[in-house]
PDB file of N, CA and C in Angstrom:
ATOM      1  N   MET A   1       0.839  -1.189   0.000  1.00  0.00           N
ATOM      2  CA  MET A   1       0.000   0.000   0.000  1.00  0.00           C
ATOM      3  C   MET A   1       0.877   1.243   0.000  1.00  0.00           C
ATOM      4  N   GLN A   2       0.564   2.200  -0.823  1.00  0.00           N
ATOM      5  CA  GLN A   2       1.320   3.436  -0.891  1.00  0.00           C
ATOM      6  C   GLN A   2       0.995   4.326   0.304  1.00  0.00           C
ATOM      7  N   ASP A   3       1.990   4.988   0.806  1.00  0.00           N
ATOM      8  CA  ASP A   3       1.808   5.976   1.858  1.00  0.00           C
ATOM      9  C   ASP A   3       2.113   7.325   1.241  1.00  0.00           C
ATOM     10  N   GLY A   4       1.091   8.110   0.935  1.00  0.00           N
ATOM     11  CA  GLY A   4       1.264   9.372   0.235  1.00  0.00           C
ATOM     12  C   GLY A   4       2.187  10.342   0.939  1.00  0.00           C
ATOM     13  N   THR A   5       2.106  10.420   2.261  1.00  0.00           N
ATOM     14  CA  THR A   5       2.966  11.334   3.011  1.00  0.00           C
ATOM     15  C   THR A   5       4.415  10.917   2.881  1.00  0.00           C
ATOM     16  N   HIS A   6       4.700   9.637   3.095  1.00  0.00           N
ATOM     17  CA  HIS A   6       6.080   9.163   2.973  1.00  0.00           C
ATOM     18  C   HIS A   6       6.589   9.328   1.548  1.00  0.00           C
ATOM     19  N   ASP A   7       5.758   9.079   0.556  1.00  0.00           N
ATOM     20  CA  ASP A   7       6.210   9.208  -0.823  1.00  0.00           C
ATOM     21  C   ASP A   7       6.502  10.664  -1.173  1.00  0.00           C
ATOM     22  N   HIS A   8       5.728  11.579  -0.628  1.00  0.00           N
ATOM     23  CA  HIS A   8       5.973  13.002  -0.858  1.00  0.00           C
ATOM     24  C   HIS A   8       7.314  13.409  -0.242  1.00  0.00           C
ATOM     25  N   VAL A   9       7.560  12.987   0.988  1.00  0.00           N
ATOM     26  CA  VAL A   9       8.817  13.320   1.667  1.00  0.00           C
ATOM     27  C   VAL A   9       9.985  12.674   0.933  1.00  0.00           C
ATOM     28  N   ARG A  10       9.826  11.434   0.515  1.00  0.00           N
ATOM     29  CA  ARG A  10      10.873  10.710  -0.237  1.00  0.00           C
ATOM     30  C   ARG A  10      11.219  11.485  -1.510  1.00  0.00           C
ATOM     31  N   SER A  11      10.224  11.896  -2.263  1.00  0.00           N
ATOM     32  CA  SER A  11      10.453  12.647  -3.501  1.00  0.00           C
ATOM     33  C   SER A  11      11.138  13.976  -3.222  1.00  0.00           C
ATOM     34  N   TYR A  12      10.729  14.643  -2.157  1.00  0.00           N
ATOM     35  CA  TYR A  12      11.335  15.916  -1.778  1.00  0.00           C
ATOM     36  C   TYR A  12      12.844  15.744  -1.545  1.00  0.00           C
ATOM     37  N   HIS A  13      13.222  14.749  -0.746  1.00  0.00           N
ATOM     38  CA  HIS A  13      14.641  14.512  -0.466  1.00  0.00           C
ATOM     39  C   HIS A  13      15.401  14.109  -1.725  1.00  0.00           C
ATOM     40  N   LEU A  14      14.800  13.307  -2.577  1.00  0.00           N
ATOM     41  CA  LEU A  14      15.478  12.883  -3.797  1.00  0.00           C
ATOM     42  C   LEU A  14      15.688  14.050  -4.761  1.00  0.00           C
ATOM     43  N   HIS A  15      14.733  14.963  -4.841  1.00  0.00           N
ATOM     44  CA  HIS A  15      14.911  16.148  -5.683  1.00  0.00           C
ATOM     45  C   HIS A  15      16.034  17.034  -5.139  1.00  0.00           C
ATOM     46  N   ARG A  16      16.141  17.139  -3.837  1.00  0.00           N
ATOM     47  CA  ARG A  16      17.239  17.914  -3.238  1.00  0.00           C
ATOM     48  C   ARG A  16      18.584  17.278  -3.589  1.00  0.00           C
ATOM     49  N   LEU A  17      18.651  15.941  -3.559  1.00  0.00           N
ATOM     50  CA  LEU A  17      19.889  15.254  -3.913  1.00  0.00           C
ATOM     51  C   LEU A  17      20.202  15.432  -5.398  1.00  0.00           C
ATOM     52  N   ALA A  18      19.191  15.389  -6.248  1.00  0.00           N
ATOM     53  CA  ALA A  18      19.408  15.601  -7.688  1.00  0.00           C
ATOM     54  C   ALA A  18      20.023  16.974  -7.939  1.00  0.00           C
ATOM     55  N   THR A  19      19.552  17.989  -7.235  1.00  0.00           N
ATOM     56  CA  THR A  19      20.106  19.336  -7.372  1.00  0.00           C
ATOM     57  C   THR A  19      21.558  19.366  -6.916  1.00  0.00           C
ATOM     58  N   ALA A  20      21.853  18.709  -5.794  1.00  0.00           N
ATOM     59  CA  ALA A  20      23.234  18.661  -5.285  1.00  0.00           C
ATOM     60  C   ALA A  20      24.147  17.916  -6.252  1.00  0.00           C
ATOM     61  N   LEU A  21      23.661  16.846  -6.860  1.00  0.00           N
ATOM     62  CA  LEU A  21      24.469  16.098  -7.824  1.00  0.00           C
ATOM     63  C   LEU A  21      24.747  16.926  -9.073  1.00  0.00           C
ATOM     64  N   ASP A  22      23.796  17.727  -9.473  1.00  0.00           N
ATOM     65  CA  ASP A  22      23.981  18.593 -10.637  1.00  0.00           C
ATOM     66  C   ASP A  22      25.154  19.553 -10.419  1.00  0.00           C
ATOM     67  N   THR A  23      25.321  20.020  -9.203  1.00  0.00           N
ATOM     68  CA  THR A  23      26.409  20.967  -8.913  1.00  0.00           C
ATOM     69  C   THR A  23      27.780  20.299  -8.944  1.00  0.00           C
ATOM     70  N   VAL A  24      27.838  18.955  -8.848  1.00  0.00           N
ATOM     71  CA  VAL A  24      29.129  18.255  -8.935  1.00  0.00           C
ATOM     72  C   VAL A  24      29.292  17.545 -10.277  1.00  0.00           C
ATOM     73  N   GLY A  25      28.423  17.875 -11.250  1.00  0.00           N
ATOM     74  CA  GLY A  25      28.603  17.393 -12.615  1.00  0.00           C
ATOM     75  C   GLY A  25      27.955  16.077 -12.974  1.00  0.00           C
ATOM     76  N   PHE A  26      27.019  15.597 -12.171  1.00  0.00           N
ATOM     77  CA  PHE A  26      26.321  14.356 -12.490  1.00  0.00           C
ATOM     78  C   PHE A  26      24.893  14.656 -12.901  1.00  0.00           C
ATOM     79  N   HIS A  27      24.405  13.902 -13.859  1.00  0.00           N
ATOM     80  CA  HIS A  27      23.015  14.036 -14.285  1.00  0.00           C
ATOM     81  C   HIS A  27      22.172  13.069 -13.462  1.00  0.00           C
ATOM     82  N   ALA A  28      21.110  13.568 -12.866  1.00  0.00           N
ATOM     83  CA  ALA A  28      20.243  12.722 -12.046  1.00  0.00           C
ATOM     84  C   ALA A  28      18.784  13.031 -12.371  1.00  0.00           C
ATOM     85  N   THR A  29      17.989  11.983 -12.396  1.00  0.00           N
ATOM     86  CA  THR A  29      16.567  12.111 -12.689  1.00  0.00           C
ATOM     87  C   THR A  29      15.766  11.401 -11.600  1.00  0.00           C
ATOM     88  N   VAL A  30      14.764  12.077 -11.071  1.00  0.00           N
ATOM     89  CA  VAL A  30      13.900  11.466 -10.068  1.00  0.00           C
ATOM     90  C   VAL A  30      12.768  10.747 -10.775  1.00  0.00           C
ATOM     91  N   LYS A  31      12.664   9.454 -10.521  1.00  0.00           N
ATOM     92  CA  LYS A  31      11.557   8.647 -11.030  1.00  0.00           C
ATOM     93  C   LYS A  31      10.455   8.745  -9.980  1.00  0.00           C
ATOM     94  N   THR A  32       9.329   9.322 -10.355  1.00  0.00           N
ATOM     95  CA  THR A  32       8.289   9.596  -9.361  1.00  0.00           C
ATOM     96  C   THR A  32       7.222   8.523  -9.235  1.00  0.00           C
ATOM     97  N   THR A  33       7.333   7.444 -10.004  1.00  0.00           N
ATOM     98  CA  THR A  33       6.389   6.349  -9.792  1.00  0.00           C
ATOM     99  C   THR A  33       6.713   5.699  -8.455  1.00  0.00           C
ATOM    100  N   TYR A  34       5.752   5.016  -7.887  1.00  0.00           N
ATOM    101  CA  TYR A  34       5.955   4.439  -6.553  1.00  0.00           C
ATOM    102  C   TYR A  34       6.847   3.215  -6.601  1.00  0.00           C
ATOM    103  N   PRO A  35       7.825   3.090  -5.728  1.00  0.00           N
ATOM    104  CA  PRO A  35       8.354   4.152  -4.868  1.00  0.00           C
ATOM    105  C   PRO A  35       9.318   5.025  -5.648  1.00  0.00           C
ATOM    106  N   ALA A  36       9.372   6.283  -5.268  1.00  0.00           N
ATOM    107  CA  ALA A  36      10.262   7.227  -5.952  1.00  0.00           C
ATOM    108  C   ALA A  36      11.715   6.800  -5.779  1.00  0.00           C
ATOM    109  N   ALA A  37      12.519   7.052  -6.793  1.00  0.00           N
ATOM    110  CA  ALA A  37      13.950   6.731  -6.753  1.00  0.00           C
ATOM    111  C   ALA A  37      14.696   7.733  -7.613  1.00  0.00           C
ATOM    112  N   LEU A  38      15.982   7.843  -7.373  1.00  0.00           N
ATOM    113  CA  LEU A  38      16.835   8.764  -8.115  1.00  0.00           C
ATOM    114  C   LEU A  38      17.784   7.959  -8.977  1.00  0.00           C
ATOM    115  N   HIS A  39      17.793   8.238 -10.266  1.00  0.00           N
ATOM    116  CA  HIS A  39      18.712   7.578 -11.195  1.00  0.00           C
ATOM    117  C   HIS A  39      19.849   8.544 -11.487  1.00  0.00           C
ATOM    118  N   VAL A  40      21.075   8.115 -11.193  1.00  0.00           N
ATOM    119  CA  VAL A  40      22.261   8.940 -11.384  1.00  0.00           C
ATOM    120  C   VAL A  40      23.045   8.383 -12.555  1.00  0.00           C
ATOM    121  N   PHE A  41      23.382   9.245 -13.509  1.00  0.00           N
ATOM    122  CA  PHE A  41      24.119   8.840 -14.691  1.00  0.00           C
ATOM    123  C   PHE A  41      25.526   9.414 -14.638  1.00  0.00           C
ATOM    124  N   ILE A  42      26.488   8.611 -15.023  1.00  0.00           N
ATOM    125  CA  ILE A  42      27.878   9.027 -15.008  1.00  0.00           C
ATOM    126  C   ILE A  42      28.180   9.800 -16.287  1.00  0.00           C
ATOM    127  N   PRO A  43      28.740  10.999 -16.162  1.00  0.00           N
ATOM    128  CA  PRO A  43      29.071  11.776 -17.364  1.00  0.00           C
ATOM    129  C   PRO A  43      30.020  10.993 -18.272  1.00  0.00           C
ATOM    130  N   GLY A  44      29.688  10.931 -19.555  1.00  0.00           N
ATOM    131  CA  GLY A  44      30.538  10.245 -20.524  1.00  0.00           C
ATOM    132  C   GLY A  44      30.407   8.734 -20.512  1.00  0.00           C
ATOM    133  N   ALA A  45      29.593   8.194 -19.637  1.00  0.00           N
ATOM    134  CA  ALA A  45      29.410   6.737 -19.556  1.00  0.00           C
ATOM    135  C   ALA A  45      27.958   6.454 -19.199  1.00  0.00           C
ATOM    136  N   SER A  46      27.056   6.827 -20.084  1.00  0.00           N
ATOM    137  CA  SER A  46      25.626   6.734 -19.779  1.00  0.00           C
ATOM    138  C   SER A  46      25.137   5.310 -19.533  1.00  0.00           C
ATOM    139  N   MET A  47      25.920   4.322 -19.952  1.00  0.00           N
ATOM    140  CA  MET A  47      25.517   2.942 -19.689  1.00  0.00           C
ATOM    141  C   MET A  47      25.729   2.570 -18.220  1.00  0.00           C
ATOM    142  N   LEU A  48      26.560   3.323 -17.531  1.00  0.00           N
ATOM    143  CA  LEU A  48      26.775   3.112 -16.110  1.00  0.00           C
ATOM    144  C   LEU A  48      25.872   4.074 -15.344  1.00  0.00           C
ATOM    145  N   ALA A  49      25.153   3.548 -14.393  1.00  0.00           N
ATOM    146  CA  ALA A  49      24.237   4.377 -13.626  1.00  0.00           C
ATOM    147  C   ALA A  49      24.057   3.773 -12.246  1.00  0.00           C
ATOM    148  N   GLU A  50      23.508   4.551 -11.367  1.00  0.00           N
ATOM    149  CA  GLU A  50      23.220   4.096 -10.011  1.00  0.00           C
ATOM    150  C   GLU A  50      21.816   4.557  -9.663  1.00  0.00           C
ATOM    151  N   CYS A  51      21.130   3.779  -8.868  1.00  0.00           N
ATOM    152  CA  CYS A  51      19.781   4.106  -8.420  1.00  0.00           C
ATOM    153  C   CYS A  51      19.817   4.302  -6.904  1.00  0.00           C
ATOM    154  N   ILE A  52      19.399   5.463  -6.457  1.00  0.00           N
ATOM    155  CA  ILE A  52      19.407   5.818  -5.040  1.00  0.00           C
ATOM    156  C   ILE A  52      17.953   5.951  -4.589  1.00  0.00           C
ATOM    157  N   ASP A  53      17.654   5.402  -3.420  1.00  0.00           N
ATOM    158  CA  ASP A  53      16.324   5.646  -2.873  1.00  0.00           C
ATOM    159  C   ASP A  53      16.461   6.353  -1.534  1.00  0.00           C
ATOM    160  N   CYS A  54      15.349   6.630  -0.906  1.00  0.00           N
ATOM    161  CA  CYS A  54      15.326   7.369   0.346  1.00  0.00           C
ATOM    162  C   CYS A  54      14.354   6.656   1.279  1.00  0.00           C
ATOM    163  N   ILE A  55      14.826   6.350   2.465  1.00  0.00           N
ATOM    164  CA  ILE A  55      14.021   5.559   3.392  1.00  0.00           C
ATOM    165  C   ILE A  55      13.901   6.258   4.744  1.00  0.00           C
ATOM    166  N   PRO A  56      12.765   6.046   5.428  1.00  0.00           N
ATOM    167  CA  PRO A  56      12.645   6.589   6.781  1.00  0.00           C
ATOM    168  C   PRO A  56      13.350   5.670   7.771  1.00  0.00           C
ATOM    169  N   GLY A  57      13.779   6.255   8.849  1.00  0.00           N
ATOM    170  CA  GLY A  57      14.396   5.504   9.926  1.00  0.00           C
ATOM    171  C   GLY A  57      14.306   6.332  11.197  1.00  0.00           C
ATOM    172  N   THR A  58      15.006   5.918  12.217  1.00  0.00           N
ATOM    173  CA  THR A  58      15.028   6.678  13.454  1.00  0.00           C
ATOM    174  C   THR A  58      16.469   6.961  13.850  1.00  0.00           C
ATOM    175  N   ASP A  59      16.650   8.087  14.524  1.00  0.00           N
ATOM    176  CA  ASP A  59      17.987   8.411  15.014  1.00  0.00           C
ATOM    177  C   ASP A  59      18.185   7.758  16.383  1.00  0.00           C
ATOM    178  N   ASP A  60      19.282   8.059  17.039  1.00  0.00           N
ATOM    179  CA  ASP A  60      19.595   7.450  18.331  1.00  0.00           C
ATOM    180  C   ASP A  60      18.591   7.811  19.416  1.00  0.00           C
ATOM    181  N   ASP A  61      17.863   8.917  19.229  1.00  0.00           N
ATOM    182  CA  ASP A  61      16.853   9.337  20.198  1.00  0.00           C
ATOM    183  C   ASP A  61      15.447   8.886  19.816  1.00  0.00           C
ATOM    184  N   GLY A  62      15.328   8.088  18.756  1.00  0.00           N
ATOM    185  CA  GLY A  62      14.032   7.568  18.340  1.00  0.00           C
ATOM    186  C   GLY A  62      13.223   8.505  17.465  1.00  0.00           C
ATOM    187  N   ARG A  63      13.815   9.616  17.018  1.00  0.00           N
ATOM    188  CA  ARG A  63      13.097  10.556  16.149  1.00  0.00           C
ATOM    189  C   ARG A  63      13.141  10.080  14.705  1.00  0.00           C
ATOM    190  N   LEU A  64      12.085  10.380  13.965  1.00  0.00           N
ATOM    191  CA  LEU A  64      12.022  10.027  12.549  1.00  0.00           C
ATOM    192  C   LEU A  64      13.070  10.808  11.768  1.00  0.00           C
ATOM    193  N   CYS A  65      13.838  10.106  10.956  1.00  0.00           N
ATOM    194  CA  CYS A  65      14.849  10.696  10.081  1.00  0.00           C
ATOM    195  C   CYS A  65      14.737  10.021   8.723  1.00  0.00           C
ATOM    196  N   TRP A  66      15.293  10.651   7.710  1.00  0.00           N
ATOM    197  CA  TRP A  66      15.323  10.075   6.371  1.00  0.00           C
ATOM    198  C   TRP A  66      16.761   9.871   5.948  1.00  0.00           C
ATOM    199  N   TYR A  67      16.996   8.788   5.218  1.00  0.00           N
ATOM    200  CA  TYR A  67      18.337   8.425   4.786  1.00  0.00           C
ATOM    201  C   TYR A  67      18.330   8.059   3.305  1.00  0.00           C
ATOM    202  N   TYR A  68      19.390   8.452   2.610  1.00  0.00           N
ATOM    203  CA  TYR A  68      19.596   7.988   1.246  1.00  0.00           C
ATOM    204  C   TYR A  68      20.185   6.595   1.325  1.00  0.00           C
ATOM    205  N   ARG A  69      19.827   5.741   0.348  1.00  0.00           N
ATOM    206  CA  ARG A  69      20.289   4.359   0.359  1.00  0.00           C
ATOM    207  C   ARG A  69      20.724   3.944  -1.041  1.00  0.00           C
ATOM    208  N   TRP A  70      21.880   3.243  -1.087  1.00  0.00           N
ATOM    209  CA  TRP A  70      22.387   2.686  -2.339  1.00  0.00           C
ATOM    210  C   TRP A  70      21.440   1.610  -2.873  1.00  0.00           C
ATOM    211  N   SER A  71      21.597   1.278  -4.141  1.00  0.00           N
ATOM    212  CA  SER A  71      20.751   0.260  -4.774  1.00  0.00           C
ATOM    213  C   SER A  71      20.912  -1.115  -4.121  1.00  0.00           C
ATOM    214  N   TRP A  72      22.039  -1.381  -3.496  1.00  0.00           N
ATOM    215  CA  TRP A  72      22.254  -2.686  -2.859  1.00  0.00           C
ATOM    216  C   TRP A  72      21.770  -2.717  -1.405  1.00  0.00           C
ATOM    217  N   GLY A  73      21.146  -1.621  -0.940  1.00  0.00           N
ATOM    218  CA  GLY A  73      20.499  -1.612   0.359  1.00  0.00           C
ATOM    219  C   GLY A  73      21.272  -0.965   1.491  1.00  0.00           C
ATOM    220  N   GLU A  74      22.512  -0.611   1.265  1.00  0.00           N
ATOM    221  CA  GLU A  74      23.324   0.018   2.311  1.00  0.00           C
ATOM    222  C   GLU A  74      22.961   1.498   2.435  1.00  0.00           C
ATOM    223  N   VAL A  75      22.837   1.971   3.676  1.00  0.00           N
ATOM    224  CA  VAL A  75      22.552   3.386   3.897  1.00  0.00           C
ATOM    225  C   VAL A  75      23.734   4.208   3.397  1.00  0.00           C
ATOM    226  N   LEU A  76      23.435   5.222   2.628  1.00  0.00           N
ATOM    227  CA  LEU A  76      24.440   6.085   2.017  1.00  0.00           C
ATOM    228  C   LEU A  76      24.761   7.291   2.894  1.00  0.00           C
ATOM    229  N   HIS A  77      23.709   8.032   3.298  1.00  0.00           N
ATOM    230  CA  HIS A  77      23.942   9.293   4.005  1.00  0.00           C
ATOM    231  C   HIS A  77      22.617   9.815   4.548  1.00  0.00           C
ATOM    232  N   ASP A  78      22.704  10.712   5.506  1.00  0.00           N
ATOM    233  CA  ASP A  78      21.540  11.389   6.068  1.00  0.00           C
ATOM    234  C   ASP A  78      20.928  12.305   5.008  1.00  0.00           C
ATOM    235  N   ALA A  79      19.622  12.240   4.812  1.00  0.00           N
ATOM    236  CA  ALA A  79      18.951  13.044   3.786  1.00  0.00           C
ATOM    237  C   ALA A  79      18.920  14.529   4.119  1.00  0.00           C
ATOM    238  N   GLU A  80      19.275  14.907   5.318  1.00  0.00           N
ATOM    239  CA  GLU A  80      19.338  16.329   5.668  1.00  0.00           C
ATOM    240  C   GLU A  80      20.606  16.995   5.127  1.00  0.00           C
ATOM    241  N   ASP A  81      21.490  16.203   4.510  1.00  0.00           N
ATOM    242  CA  ASP A  81      22.745  16.736   3.973  1.00  0.00           C
ATOM    243  C   ASP A  81      22.949  16.269   2.531  1.00  0.00           C
ATOM    244  N   PRO A  82      22.129  16.783   1.591  1.00  0.00           N
ATOM    245  CA  PRO A  82      22.283  16.370   0.190  1.00  0.00           C
ATOM    246  C   PRO A  82      23.684  16.616  -0.388  1.00  0.00           C
ATOM    247  N   PRO A  83      24.355  17.745  -0.089  1.00  0.00           N
ATOM    248  CA  PRO A  83      25.703  17.920  -0.631  1.00  0.00           C
ATOM    249  C   PRO A  83      26.683  16.848  -0.142  1.00  0.00           C
ATOM    250  N   GLY A  84      26.551  16.429   1.098  1.00  0.00           N
ATOM    251  CA  GLY A  84      27.409  15.360   1.617  1.00  0.00           C
ATOM    252  C   GLY A  84      27.148  14.041   0.916  1.00  0.00           C
ATOM    253  N   ALA A  85      25.880  13.755   0.656  1.00  0.00           N
ATOM    254  CA  ALA A  85      25.525  12.528  -0.066  1.00  0.00           C
ATOM    255  C   ALA A  85      26.026  12.600  -1.505  1.00  0.00           C
ATOM    256  N   ALA A  86      25.889  13.761  -2.137  1.00  0.00           N
ATOM    257  CA  ALA A  86      26.354  13.931  -3.520  1.00  0.00           C
ATOM    258  C   ALA A  86      27.858  13.710  -3.605  1.00  0.00           C
ATOM    259  N   LYS A  87      28.581  14.185  -2.616  1.00  0.00           N
ATOM    260  CA  LYS A  87      30.032  13.994  -2.604  1.00  0.00           C
ATOM    261  C   LYS A  87      30.397  12.506  -2.527  1.00  0.00           C
ATOM    262  N   LYS A  88      29.685  11.767  -1.669  1.00  0.00           N
ATOM    263  CA  LYS A  88      29.942  10.323  -1.553  1.00  0.00           C
ATOM    264  C   LYS A  88      29.621   9.608  -2.855  1.00  0.00           C
ATOM    265  N   ILE A  89      28.502   9.960  -3.469  1.00  0.00           N
ATOM    266  CA  ILE A  89      28.110   9.334  -4.733  1.00  0.00           C
ATOM    267  C   ILE A  89      29.159   9.631  -5.813  1.00  0.00           C
ATOM    268  N   ALA A  90      29.602  10.869  -5.882  1.00  0.00           N
ATOM    269  CA  ALA A  90      30.612  11.258  -6.869  1.00  0.00           C
ATOM    270  C   ALA A  90      31.904  10.471  -6.666  1.00  0.00           C
ATOM    271  N   GLU A  91      32.309  10.279  -5.416  1.00  0.00           N
ATOM    272  CA  GLU A  91      33.535   9.515  -5.133  1.00  0.00           C
ATOM    273  C   GLU A  91      33.400   8.070  -5.587  1.00  0.00           C
ATOM    274  N   VAL A  92      32.270   7.457  -5.316  1.00  0.00           N
ATOM    275  CA  VAL A  92      32.070   6.049  -5.696  1.00  0.00           C
ATOM    276  C   VAL A  92      31.954   5.916  -7.210  1.00  0.00           C
ATOM    277  N   LEU A  93      31.167   6.759  -7.840  1.00  0.00           N
ATOM    278  CA  LEU A  93      30.971   6.623  -9.290  1.00  0.00           C
ATOM    279  C   LEU A  93      32.205   7.026 -10.083  1.00  0.00           C
ATOM    280  N   ALA A  94      33.006   7.924  -9.553  1.00  0.00           N
ATOM    281  CA  ALA A  94      34.242   8.304 -10.231  1.00  0.00           C
ATOM    282  C   ALA A  94      35.241   7.138 -10.223  1.00  0.00           C
ATOM    283  N   ALA A  95      35.130   6.269  -9.239  1.00  0.00           N
ATOM    284  CA  ALA A  95      36.041   5.110  -9.134  1.00  0.00           C
ATOM    285  C   ALA A  95      35.691   4.026 -10.147  1.00  0.00           C
ATOM    286  N   ARG A  96      34.488   4.079 -10.713  1.00  0.00           N
ATOM    287  CA  ARG A  96      34.062   3.067 -11.682  1.00  0.00           C
ATOM    288  C   ARG A  96      34.749   3.356 -12.940  1.00  0.00           C
TER     289      ARG A  96
END
């Protein structure tokens, strides 16, 4: 079952990350079908791409937080820091 509130928040965070990735030279597109995800394309190597999603979780105090997550399920970064997440993505994709 879709949760409209969570999907709206997920899309919001993914759009913020897409903007941050644009500033470091990566093309990113938010897929808004359920569940929303971010497709990141490597400049000059469009056949290589990464899919990032955004998931809710809790911090150490039990408060709701959002996190970016790699396609293989590992948490990437806190969604409150899109530039930090973009930097990590750029480092990993540049190594490919």
